[in-house]
Amino acid sequence: TTPQNKAAIAARAAARGISTGEYIRRKVDDEDEEPTPEEEAELAALVE
């Protein structure tokens, strides 16, 4: 990745108090989950 992207990922992980590896693992795991009904409703409201 680029140095800027690496720094951004590291900053996001640090802001959550987790390692960069844990941050990436969580992001990958999140991709497999379906949105919750609340998230779906929020997205529908935004689209509207």
All heavy atoms as atom14 arrays in JSON, in Angstrom:
{
  "sequence": "TTPQNKAAIAARAAARGISTGEYIRRKVDDEDEEPTPEEEAELAALVE",
  "atom14_mask": [
    [1, 1, 1, 1, 1, 1, 1, 0, 0, 0, 0, 0, 0, 0],
    [1, 1, 1, 1, 1, 1, 1, 0, 0, 0, 0, 0, 0, 0],
    [1, 1, 1, 1, 1, 1, 1, 0, 0, 0, 0, 0, 0, 0],
    [1, 1, 1, 1, 1, 1, 1, 1, 1, 0, 0, 0, 0, 0],
    [1, 1, 1, 1, 1, 1, 1, 1, 0, 0, 0, 0, 0, 0],
    [1, 1, 1, 1, 1, 1, 1, 1, 1, 0, 0, 0, 0, 0],
    [1, 1, 1, 1, 1, 0, 0, 0, 0, 0, 0, 0, 0, 0],
    [1, 1, 1, 1, 1, 0, 0, 0, 0, 0, 0, 0, 0, 0],
    [1, 1, 1, 1, 1, 1, 1, 1, 0, 0, 0, 0, 0, 0],
    [1, 1, 1, 1, 1, 0, 0, 0, 0, 0, 0, 0, 0, 0],
    [1, 1, 1, 1, 1, 0, 0, 0, 0, 0, 0, 0, 0, 0],
    [1, 1, 1, 1, 1, 1, 1, 1, 1, 1, 1, 0, 0, 0],
    [1, 1, 1, 1, 1, 0, 0, 0, 0, 0, 0, 0, 0, 0],
    [1, 1, 1, 1, 1, 0, 0, 0, 0, 0, 0, 0, 0, 0],
    [1, 1, 1, 1, 1, 0, 0, 0, 0, 0, 0, 0, 0, 0],
    [1, 1, 1, 1, 1, 1, 1, 1, 1, 1, 1, 0, 0, 0],
    [1, 1, 1, 1, 0, 0, 0, 0, 0, 0, 0, 0, 0, 0],
    [1, 1, 1, 1, 1, 1, 1, 1, 0, 0, 0, 0, 0, 0],
    [1, 1, 1, 1, 1, 1, 0, 0, 0, 0, 0, 0, 0, 0],
    [1, 1, 1, 1, 1, 1, 1, 0, 0, 0, 0, 0, 0, 0],
    [1, 1, 1, 1, 0, 0, 0, 0, 0, 0, 0, 0, 0, 0],
    [1, 1, 1, 1, 1, 1, 1, 1, 1, 0, 0, 0, 0, 0],
    [1, 1, 1, 1, 1, 1, 1, 1, 1, 1, 1, 1, 0, 0],
    [1, 1, 1, 1, 1, 1, 1, 1, 0, 0, 0, 0, 0, 0],
    [1, 1, 1, 1, 1, 1, 1, 1, 1, 1, 1, 0, 0, 0],
    [1, 1, 1, 1, 1, 1, 1, 1, 1, 1, 1, 0, 0, 0],
    [1, 1, 1, 1, 1, 1, 1, 1, 1, 0, 0, 0, 0, 0],
    [1, 1, 1, 1, 1, 1, 1, 0, 0, 0, 0, 0, 0, 0],
    [1, 1, 1, 1, 1, 1, 1, 1, 0, 0, 0, 0, 0, 0],
    [1, 1, 1, 1, 1, 1, 1, 1, 0, 0, 0, 0, 0, 0],
    [1, 1, 1, 1, 1, 1, 1, 1, 1, 0, 0, 0, 0, 0],
    [1, 1, 1, 1, 1, 1, 1, 1, 0, 0, 0, 0, 0, 0],
    [1, 1, 1, 1, 1, 1, 1, 1, 1, 0, 0, 0, 0, 0],
    [1, 1, 1, 1, 1, 1, 1, 1, 1, 0, 0, 0, 0, 0],
    [1, 1, 1, 1, 1, 1, 1, 0, 0, 0, 0, 0, 0, 0],
    [1, 1, 1, 1, 1, 1, 1, 0, 0, 0, 0, 0, 0, 0],
    [1, 1, 1, 1, 1, 1, 1, 0, 0, 0, 0, 0, 0, 0],
    [1, 1, 1, 1, 1, 1, 1, 1, 1, 0, 0, 0, 0, 0],
    [1, 1, 1, 1, 1, 1, 1, 1, 1, 0, 0, 0, 0, 0],
    [1, 1, 1, 1, 1, 1, 1, 1, 1, 0, 0, 0, 0, 0],
    [1, 1, 1, 1, 1, 0, 0, 0, 0, 0, 0, 0, 0, 0],
    [1, 1, 1, 1, 1, 1, 1, 1, 1, 0, 0, 0, 0, 0],
    [1, 1, 1, 1, 1, 1, 1, 1, 0, 0, 0, 0, 0, 0],
    [1, 1, 1, 1, 1, 0, 0, 0, 0, 0, 0, 0, 0, 0],
    [1, 1, 1, 1, 1, 0, 0, 0, 0, 0, 0, 0, 0, 0],
    [1, 1, 1, 1, 1, 1, 1, 1, 0, 0, 0, 0, 0, 0],
    [1, 1, 1, 1, 1, 1, 1, 0, 0, 0, 0, 0, 0, 0],
    [1, 1, 1, 1, 1, 1, 1, 1, 1, 0, 0, 0, 0, 0]
  ],
  "atom14_positions": [
    [[0.86, -1.18, 0.0], [0.0, 0.0, 0.0], [0.9, 1.23, 0.0], [2.12, 1.12, 0.12], [-0.96, -0.01, 1.21], [-1.9, 1.04, 1.07], [-0.23, 0.13, 2.52], [0.0, 0.0, 0.0], [0.0, 0.0, 0.0], [0.0, 0.0, 0.0], [0.0, 0.0, 0.0], [0.0, 0.0, 0.0], [0.0, 0.0, 0.0], [0.0, 0.0, 0.0]],
    [[0.3, 2.38, -0.12], [1.09, 3.62, -0.1], [1.43, 3.98, 1.34], [0.74, 3.56, 2.28], [0.29, 4.78, -0.71], [-0.86, 5.04, 0.11], [-0.16, 4.47, -2.13], [0.0, 0.0, 0.0], [0.0, 0.0, 0.0], [0.0, 0.0, 0.0], [0.0, 0.0, 0.0], [0.0, 0.0, 0.0], [0.0, 0.0, 0.0], [0.0, 0.0, 0.0]],
    [[2.46, 4.78, 1.53], [2.77, 5.24, 2.89], [1.6, 6.0, 3.52], [1.34, 5.85, 4.71], [3.98, 6.16, 2.69], [4.63, 5.68, 1.44], [3.49, 5.21, 0.56], [0.0, 0.0, 0.0], [0.0, 0.0, 0.0], [0.0, 0.0, 0.0], [0.0, 0.0, 0.0], [0.0, 0.0, 0.0], [0.0, 0.0, 0.0], [0.0, 0.0, 0.0]],
    [[0.88, 6.77, 2.71], [-0.26, 7.53, 3.23], [-1.38, 6.6, 3.7], [-1.98, 6.81, 4.75], [-0.8, 8.5, 2.16], [0.16, 9.57, 1.75], [1.13, 9.13, 0.66], [1.12, 8.0, 0.18], [2.02, 10.03, 0.29], [0.0, 0.0, 0.0], [0.0, 0.0, 0.0], [0.0, 0.0, 0.0], [0.0, 0.0, 0.0], [0.0, 0.0, 0.0]],
    [[-1.65, 5.55, 2.91], [-2.69, 4.6, 3.28], [-2.29, 3.83, 4.53], [-3.12, 3.6, 5.42], [-2.99, 3.65, 2.11], [-4.28, 2.89, 2.29], [-5.2, 3.36, 2.95], [-4.34, 1.72, 1.71], [0.0, 0.0, 0.0], [0.0, 0.0, 0.0], [0.0, 0.0, 0.0], [0.0, 0.0, 0.0], [0.0, 0.0, 0.0], [0.0, 0.0, 0.0]],
    [[-1.03, 3.43, 4.61], [-0.55, 2.72, 5.79], [-0.71, 3.59, 7.03], [-1.17, 3.12, 8.08], [0.92, 2.31, 5.62], [1.47, 1.56, 6.8], [2.93, 1.2, 6.6], [3.45, 0.48, 7.85], [4.89, 0.21, 7.74], [0.0, 0.0, 0.0], [0.0, 0.0, 0.0], [0.0, 0.0, 0.0], [0.0, 0.0, 0.0], [0.0, 0.0, 0.0]],
    [[-0.35, 4.86, 6.92], [-0.48, 5.78, 8.05], [-1.94, 5.96, 8.45], [-2.27, 6.02, 9.64], [0.16, 7.13, 7.71], [0.0, 0.0, 0.0], [0.0, 0.0, 0.0], [0.0, 0.0, 0.0], [0.0, 0.0, 0.0], [0.0, 0.0, 0.0], [0.0, 0.0, 0.0], [0.0, 0.0, 0.0], [0.0, 0.0, 0.0], [0.0, 0.0, 0.0]],
    [[-2.83, 6.04, 7.46], [-4.25, 6.21, 7.74], [-4.81, 4.98, 8.46], [-5.57, 5.1, 9.42], [-5.02, 6.46, 6.45], [0.0, 0.0, 0.0], [0.0, 0.0, 0.0], [0.0, 0.0, 0.0], [0.0, 0.0, 0.0], [0.0, 0.0, 0.0], [0.0, 0.0, 0.0], [0.0, 0.0, 0.0], [0.0, 0.0, 0.0], [0.0, 0.0, 0.0]],
    [[-4.41, 3.8, 8.01], [-4.86, 2.56, 8.67], [-4.34, 2.51, 10.1], [-5.07, 2.2, 11.04], [-4.42, 1.32, 7.86], [-5.16, 1.26, 6.52], [-4.65, 0.03, 8.66], [-4.6, 0.24, 5.54], [0.0, 0.0, 0.0], [0.0, 0.0, 0.0], [0.0, 0.0, 0.0], [0.0, 0.0, 0.0], [0.0, 0.0, 0.0], [0.0, 0.0, 0.0]],
    [[-3.07, 2.84, 10.27], [-2.47, 2.82, 11.61], [-3.17, 3.83, 12.53], [-3.42, 3.54, 13.71], [-0.98, 3.12, 11.52], [0.0, 0.0, 0.0], [0.0, 0.0, 0.0], [0.0, 0.0, 0.0], [0.0, 0.0, 0.0], [0.0, 0.0, 0.0], [0.0, 0.0, 0.0], [0.0, 0.0, 0.0], [0.0, 0.0, 0.0], [0.0, 0.0, 0.0]],
    [[-3.51, 4.99, 11.99], [-4.19, 6.02, 12.8], [-5.58, 5.55, 13.21], [-6.01, 5.76, 14.35], [-4.27, 7.33, 12.01], [0.0, 0.0, 0.0], [0.0, 0.0, 0.0], [0.0, 0.0, 0.0], [0.0, 0.0, 0.0], [0.0, 0.0, 0.0], [0.0, 0.0, 0.0], [0.0, 0.0, 0.0], [0.0, 0.0, 0.0], [0.0, 0.0, 0.0]],
    [[-6.3, 4.92, 12.28], [-7.64, 4.41, 12.61], [-7.55, 3.32, 13.69], [-8.37, 3.28, 14.6], [-8.32, 3.88, 11.36], [-8.69, 4.95, 10.38], [-9.4, 4.36, 9.17], [-9.49, 5.36, 8.13], [-9.16, 5.14, 6.86], [-8.74, 3.96, 6.47], [-9.26, 6.11, 5.97], [0.0, 0.0, 0.0], [0.0, 0.0, 0.0], [0.0, 0.0, 0.0]],
    [[-6.56, 2.45, 13.56], [-6.39, 1.39, 14.55], [-6.04, 2.0, 15.92], [-6.63, 1.62, 16.94], [-5.29, 0.43, 14.11], [0.0, 0.0, 0.0], [0.0, 0.0, 0.0], [0.0, 0.0, 0.0], [0.0, 0.0, 0.0], [0.0, 0.0, 0.0], [0.0, 0.0, 0.0], [0.0, 0.0, 0.0], [0.0, 0.0, 0.0], [0.0, 0.0, 0.0]],
    [[-5.13, 2.94, 15.94], [-4.72, 3.58, 17.19], [-5.9, 4.3, 17.85], [-6.05, 4.26, 19.08], [-3.58, 4.56, 16.93], [0.0, 0.0, 0.0], [0.0, 0.0, 0.0], [0.0, 0.0, 0.0], [0.0, 0.0, 0.0], [0.0, 0.0, 0.0], [0.0, 0.0, 0.0], [0.0, 0.0, 0.0], [0.0, 0.0, 0.0], [0.0, 0.0, 0.0]],
    [[-6.74, 4.94, 17.04], [-7.9, 5.64, 17.58], [-8.85, 4.68, 18.28], [-9.59, 5.08, 19.19], [-8.62, 6.4, 16.47], [0.0, 0.0, 0.0], [0.0, 0.0, 0.0], [0.0, 0.0, 0.0], [0.0, 0.0, 0.0], [0.0, 0.0, 0.0], [0.0, 0.0, 0.0], [0.0, 0.0, 0.0], [0.0, 0.0, 0.0], [0.0, 0.0, 0.0]],
    [[-8.83, 3.41, 17.87], [-9.69, 2.4, 18.48], [-8.97, 1.61, 19.57], [-9.54, 0.72, 20.18], [-10.22, 1.46, 17.4], [-11.25, 2.15, 16.51], [-11.46, 1.39, 15.21], [-12.47, 2.0, 14.38], [-12.29, 3.08, 13.62], [-11.12, 3.67, 13.6], [-13.28, 3.56, 12.88], [0.0, 0.0, 0.0], [0.0, 0.0, 0.0], [0.0, 0.0, 0.0]],
    [[-7.67, 1.92, 19.74], [-6.9, 1.23, 20.77], [-6.57, -0.21, 20.43], [-6.44, -1.05, 21.32], [0.0, 0.0, 0.0], [0.0, 0.0, 0.0], [0.0, 0.0, 0.0], [0.0, 0.0, 0.0], [0.0, 0.0, 0.0], [0.0, 0.0, 0.0], [0.0, 0.0, 0.0], [0.0, 0.0, 0.0], [0.0, 0.0, 0.0], [0.0, 0.0, 0.0]],
    [[-6.45, -0.5, 19.12], [-6.14, -1.87, 18.69], [-4.96, -1.83, 17.71], [-4.6, -0.78, 17.19], [-7.36, -2.56, 18.02], [-7.86, -1.76, 16.82], [-8.48, -2.77, 19.04], [-9.0, -2.41, 16.05], [0.0, 0.0, 0.0], [0.0, 0.0, 0.0], [0.0, 0.0, 0.0], [0.0, 0.0, 0.0], [0.0, 0.0, 0.0], [0.0, 0.0, 0.0]],
    [[-4.39, -2.99, 17.49], [-3.27, -3.07, 16.55], [-3.77, -2.92, 15.11], [-4.96, -3.1, 14.83], [-2.55, -4.42, 16.7], [-3.38, -5.46, 16.2], [0.0, 0.0, 0.0], [0.0, 0.0, 0.0], [0.0, 0.0, 0.0], [0.0, 0.0, 0.0], [0.0, 0.0, 0.0], [0.0, 0.0, 0.0], [0.0, 0.0, 0.0], [0.0, 0.0, 0.0]],
    [[-2.82, -2.62, 14.24], [-3.17, -2.52, 12.82], [-3.71, -3.85, 12.3], [-4.69, -3.89, 11.57], [-1.94, -2.08, 12.0], [-1.48, -0.83, 12.5], [-2.26, -1.94, 10.53], [0.0, 0.0, 0.0], [0.0, 0.0, 0.0], [0.0, 0.0, 0.0], [0.0, 0.0, 0.0], [0.0, 0.0, 0.0], [0.0, 0.0, 0.0], [0.0, 0.0, 0.0]],
    [[-3.08, -4.94, 12.7], [-3.54, -6.27, 12.27], [-4.96, -6.55, 12.75], [-5.78, -7.06, 11.98], [0.0, 0.0, 0.0], [0.0, 0.0, 0.0], [0.0, 0.0, 0.0], [0.0, 0.0, 0.0], [0.0, 0.0, 0.0], [0.0, 0.0, 0.0], [0.0, 0.0, 0.0], [0.0, 0.0, 0.0], [0.0, 0.0, 0.0], [0.0, 0.0, 0.0]],
    [[-5.24, -6.21, 14.01], [-6.59, -6.45, 14.53], [-7.59, -5.57, 13.81], [-8.71, -6.01, 13.51], [-6.63, -6.17, 16.04], [-8.0, -6.4, 16.66], [-8.51, -7.84, 16.55], [-7.7, -8.77, 16.36], [-9.73, -8.02, 16.66], [0.0, 0.0, 0.0], [0.0, 0.0, 0.0], [0.0, 0.0, 0.0], [0.0, 0.0, 0.0], [0.0, 0.0, 0.0]],
    [[-7.22, -4.34, 13.51], [-8.12, -3.44, 12.78], [-8.47, -4.04, 11.41], [-9.64, -4.08, 11.04], [-7.46, -2.07, 12.62], [-8.25, -1.1, 11.77], [-9.34, -0.43, 12.3], [-7.92, -0.88, 10.44], [-10.09, 0.45, 11.53], [-8.66, 0.0, 9.67], [-9.74, 0.66, 10.22], [-10.47, 1.53, 9.44], [0.0, 0.0, 0.0], [0.0, 0.0, 0.0]],
    [[-7.47, -4.51, 10.71], [-7.7, -5.09, 9.38], [-8.53, -6.36, 9.49], [-9.46, -6.57, 8.7], [-6.36, -5.34, 8.65], [-5.72, -3.99, 8.31], [-6.57, -6.18, 7.4], [-4.31, -4.09, 7.79], [0.0, 0.0, 0.0], [0.0, 0.0, 0.0], [0.0, 0.0, 0.0], [0.0, 0.0, 0.0], [0.0, 0.0, 0.0], [0.0, 0.0, 0.0]],
    [[-8.24, -7.22, 10.49], [-9.05, -8.44, 10.68], [-10.51, -8.08, 10.9], [-11.41, -8.69, 10.32], [-8.52, -9.25, 11.86], [-7.34, -10.14, 11.53], [-6.99, -11.08, 12.67], [-6.44, -10.38, 13.82], [-5.16, -9.99, 13.93], [-4.32, -10.24, 12.95], [-4.74, -9.36, 15.01], [0.0, 0.0, 0.0], [0.0, 0.0, 0.0], [0.0, 0.0, 0.0]],
    [[-10.76, -7.08, 11.73], [-12.15, -6.68, 11.99], [-12.82, -6.13, 10.74], [-14.0, -6.41, 10.48], [-12.2, -5.63, 13.11], [-11.87, -6.19, 14.46], [-11.98, -5.12, 15.54], [-11.57, -5.64, 16.83], [-11.61, -4.92, 17.94], [-12.03, -3.67, 17.92], [-11.22, -5.45, 19.09], [0.0, 0.0, 0.0], [0.0, 0.0, 0.0], [0.0, 0.0, 0.0]],
    [[-12.09, -5.35, 9.97], [-12.67, -4.81, 8.74], [-13.01, -5.92, 7.76], [-14.06, -5.89, 7.12], [-11.72, -3.79, 8.08], [-11.68, -2.46, 8.76], [-13.05, -1.84, 8.69], [-13.1, -0.45, 9.22], [-14.43, 0.14, 9.18], [0.0, 0.0, 0.0], [0.0, 0.0, 0.0], [0.0, 0.0, 0.0], [0.0, 0.0, 0.0], [0.0, 0.0, 0.0]],
    [[-12.15, -6.89, 7.64], [-12.42, -8.02, 6.74], [-13.62, -8.8, 7.24], [-14.51, -9.16, 6.47], [-11.17, -8.93, 6.62], [-11.52, -10.22, 5.91], [-10.06, -8.19, 5.88], [0.0, 0.0, 0.0], [0.0, 0.0, 0.0], [0.0, 0.0, 0.0], [0.0, 0.0, 0.0], [0.0, 0.0, 0.0], [0.0, 0.0, 0.0], [0.0, 0.0, 0.0]],
    [[-13.69, -9.05, 8.54], [-14.83, -9.77, 9.11], [-16.12, -9.0, 8.91], [-17.18, -9.58, 8.66], [-14.62, -10.05, 10.59], [-13.56, -11.13, 10.84], [-13.22, -11.85, 9.88], [-13.07, -11.21, 11.98], [0.0, 0.0, 0.0], [0.0, 0.0, 0.0], [0.0, 0.0, 0.0], [0.0, 0.0, 0.0], [0.0, 0.0, 0.0], [0.0, 0.0, 0.0]],
    [[-16.08, -7.67, 9.04], [-17.26, -6.83, 8.86], [-17.82, -6.93, 7.45], [-19.02, -6.81, 7.24], [-16.96, -5.36, 9.16], [-16.81, -5.1, 10.66], [-17.13, -6.0, 11.46], [-16.35, -4.0, 11.0], [0.0, 0.0, 0.0], [0.0, 0.0, 0.0], [0.0, 0.0, 0.0], [0.0, 0.0, 0.0], [0.0, 0.0, 0.0], [0.0, 0.0, 0.0]],
    [[-16.97, -7.15, 6.47], [-17.41, -7.23, 5.07], [-18.34, -8.41, 4.84], [-19.16, -8.4, 3.95], [-16.19, -7.32, 4.13], [-15.39, -6.05, 4.03], [-16.16, -4.92, 3.38], [-16.88, -5.15, 2.4], [-16.05, -3.79, 3.88], [0.0, 0.0, 0.0], [0.0, 0.0, 0.0], [0.0, 0.0, 0.0], [0.0, 0.0, 0.0], [0.0, 0.0, 0.0]],
    [[-18.21, -9.44, 5.67], [-19.02, -10.64, 5.49], [-20.4, -10.52, 6.11], [-21.27, -11.35, 5.86], [-18.3, -11.86, 6.09], [-17.01, -12.18, 5.33], [-16.92, -11.82, 4.15], [-16.12, -12.79, 5.94], [0.0, 0.0, 0.0], [0.0, 0.0, 0.0], [0.0, 0.0, 0.0], [0.0, 0.0, 0.0], [0.0, 0.0, 0.0], [0.0, 0.0, 0.0]],
    [[-20.62, -9.51, 6.93], [-21.88, -9.37, 7.65], [-22.9, -8.6, 6.83], [-22.57, -7.65, 6.13], [-21.65, -8.66, 8.98], [-20.81, -9.46, 9.95], [-20.61, -8.73, 11.27], [-21.35, -7.78, 11.54], [-19.69, -9.12, 11.99], [0.0, 0.0, 0.0], [0.0, 0.0, 0.0], [0.0, 0.0, 0.0], [0.0, 0.0, 0.0], [0.0, 0.0, 0.0]],
    [[-24.13, -9.02, 6.93], [-25.24, -8.3, 6.3], [-25.57, -7.08, 7.16], [-25.42, -7.12, 8.38], [-26.46, -9.21, 6.19], [-26.29, -10.37, 5.24], [-26.14, -9.92, 3.8], [-26.84, -8.98, 3.39], [-25.32, -10.51, 3.09], [0.0, 0.0, 0.0], [0.0, 0.0, 0.0], [0.0, 0.0, 0.0], [0.0, 0.0, 0.0], [0.0, 0.0, 0.0]],
    [[-26.03, -6.01, 6.54], [-26.42, -4.85, 7.33], [-27.59, -5.19, 8.26], [-28.46, -5.98, 7.91], [-26.84, -3.81, 6.3], [-26.57, -4.38, 4.97], [-26.19, -5.8, 5.13], [0.0, 0.0, 0.0], [0.0, 0.0, 0.0], [0.0, 0.0, 0.0], [0.0, 0.0, 0.0], [0.0, 0.0, 0.0], [0.0, 0.0, 0.0], [0.0, 0.0, 0.0]],
    [[-27.59, -4.54, 9.41], [-28.69, -4.74, 10.36], [-29.92, -4.02, 9.82], [-29.8, -3.12, 8.96], [-28.33, -4.18, 11.74], [-28.18, -2.76, 11.62], [-27.05, -4.8, 12.28], [0.0, 0.0, 0.0], [0.0, 0.0, 0.0], [0.0, 0.0, 0.0], [0.0, 0.0, 0.0], [0.0, 0.0, 0.0], [0.0, 0.0, 0.0], [0.0, 0.0, 0.0]],
    [[-31.11, -4.34, 10.32], [-32.31, -3.61, 9.9], [-32.18, -2.1, 10.16], [-32.65, -1.29, 9.37], [-33.42, -4.24, 10.74], [-32.95, -5.62, 11.03], [-31.45, -5.5, 11.17], [0.0, 0.0, 0.0], [0.0, 0.0, 0.0], [0.0, 0.0, 0.0], [0.0, 0.0, 0.0], [0.0, 0.0, 0.0], [0.0, 0.0, 0.0], [0.0, 0.0, 0.0]],
    [[-31.52, -1.75, 11.27], [-31.32, -0.33, 11.57], [-30.42, 0.33, 10.53], [-30.69, 1.46, 10.08], [-30.7, -0.16, 12.97], [-31.61, -0.57, 14.11], [-31.6, -2.08, 14.37], [-30.71, -2.8, 13.88], [-32.53, -2.54, 15.05], [0.0, 0.0, 0.0], [0.0, 0.0, 0.0], [0.0, 0.0, 0.0], [0.0, 0.0, 0.0], [0.0, 0.0, 0.0]],
    [[-29.36, -0.37, 10.13], [-28.46, 0.17, 9.1], [-29.19, 0.29, 7.76], [-29.01, 1.27, 7.03], [-27.22, -0.72, 8.96], [-26.29, -0.65, 10.16], [-25.2, -1.7, 10.12], [-25.41, -2.81, 9.57], [-24.12, -1.41, 10.67], [0.0, 0.0, 0.0], [0.0, 0.0, 0.0], [0.0, 0.0, 0.0], [0.0, 0.0, 0.0], [0.0, 0.0, 0.0]],
    [[-30.0, -0.72, 7.44], [-30.78, -0.68, 6.2], [-31.73, 0.51, 6.21], [-31.86, 1.22, 5.2], [-31.59, -1.98, 6.03], [-30.76, -3.18, 5.67], [-30.39, -3.23, 4.2], [-30.93, -2.44, 3.4], [-29.54, -4.07, 3.87], [0.0, 0.0, 0.0], [0.0, 0.0, 0.0], [0.0, 0.0, 0.0], [0.0, 0.0, 0.0], [0.0, 0.0, 0.0]],
    [[-32.39, 0.75, 7.35], [-33.32, 1.87, 7.46], [-32.58, 3.2, 7.33], [-33.06, 4.13, 6.67], [-34.07, 1.81, 8.79], [0.0, 0.0, 0.0], [0.0, 0.0, 0.0], [0.0, 0.0, 0.0], [0.0, 0.0, 0.0], [0.0, 0.0, 0.0], [0.0, 0.0, 0.0], [0.0, 0.0, 0.0], [0.0, 0.0, 0.0], [0.0, 0.0, 0.0]],
    [[-31.41, 3.29, 7.94], [-30.61, 4.51, 7.85], [-30.17, 4.77, 6.41], [-30.24, 5.9, 5.92], [-29.4, 4.41, 8.77], [-28.6, 5.69, 8.88], [-27.47, 5.6, 9.89], [-27.43, 4.66, 10.71], [-26.62, 6.5, 9.84], [0.0, 0.0, 0.0], [0.0, 0.0, 0.0], [0.0, 0.0, 0.0], [0.0, 0.0, 0.0], [0.0, 0.0, 0.0]],
    [[-29.73, 3.72, 5.74], [-29.33, 3.86, 4.34], [-30.51, 4.27, 3.46], [-30.37, 5.13, 2.58], [-28.72, 2.55, 3.82], [-27.34, 2.22, 4.35], [-26.94, 0.81, 3.93], [-26.31, 3.22, 3.86], [0.0, 0.0, 0.0], [0.0, 0.0, 0.0], [0.0, 0.0, 0.0], [0.0, 0.0, 0.0], [0.0, 0.0, 0.0], [0.0, 0.0, 0.0]],
    [[-31.68, 3.68, 3.71], [-32.87, 4.04, 2.93], [-33.23, 5.5, 3.15], [-33.59, 6.21, 2.2], [-34.04, 3.14, 3.32], [0.0, 0.0, 0.0], [0.0, 0.0, 0.0], [0.0, 0.0, 0.0], [0.0, 0.0, 0.0], [0.0, 0.0, 0.0], [0.0, 0.0, 0.0], [0.0, 0.0, 0.0], [0.0, 0.0, 0.0], [0.0, 0.0, 0.0]],
    [[-33.1, 5.97, 4.4], [-33.39, 7.38, 4.68], [-32.4, 8.29, 3.98], [-32.78, 9.34, 3.43], [-33.37, 7.62, 6.19], [0.0, 0.0, 0.0], [0.0, 0.0, 0.0], [0.0, 0.0, 0.0], [0.0, 0.0, 0.0], [0.0, 0.0, 0.0], [0.0, 0.0, 0.0], [0.0, 0.0, 0.0], [0.0, 0.0, 0.0], [0.0, 0.0, 0.0]],
    [[-31.14, 7.9, 3.95], [-30.12, 8.7, 3.26], [-30.39, 8.75, 1.76], [-30.26, 9.8, 1.13], [-28.73, 8.14, 3.54], [-28.2, 8.34, 4.95], [-26.91, 7.56, 5.16], [-27.98, 9.81, 5.24], [0.0, 0.0, 0.0], [0.0, 0.0, 0.0], [0.0, 0.0, 0.0], [0.0, 0.0, 0.0], [0.0, 0.0, 0.0], [0.0, 0.0, 0.0]],
    [[-30.74, 7.61, 1.19], [-31.05, 7.57, -0.24], [-32.23, 8.48, -0.55], [-32.21, 9.24, -1.53], [-31.33, 6.12, -0.7], [-31.94, 6.08, -2.09], [-30.05, 5.3, -0.65], [0.0, 0.0, 0.0], [0.0, 0.0, 0.0], [0.0, 0.0, 0.0], [0.0, 0.0, 0.0], [0.0, 0.0, 0.0], [0.0, 0.0, 0.0], [0.0, 0.0, 0.0]],
    [[-33.24, 8.45, 0.3], [-34.4, 9.32, 0.1], [-34.0, 10.79, 0.16], [-34.43, 11.6, -0.67], [-35.45, 9.02, 1.17], [-36.75, 9.79, 0.97], [-37.81, 9.41, 2.0], [-37.77, 8.3, 2.53], [-38.67, 10.27, 2.25], [0.0, 0.0, 0.0], [0.0, 0.0, 0.0], [0.0, 0.0, 0.0], [0.0, 0.0, 0.0], [0.0, 0.0, 0.0]]
  ]
}
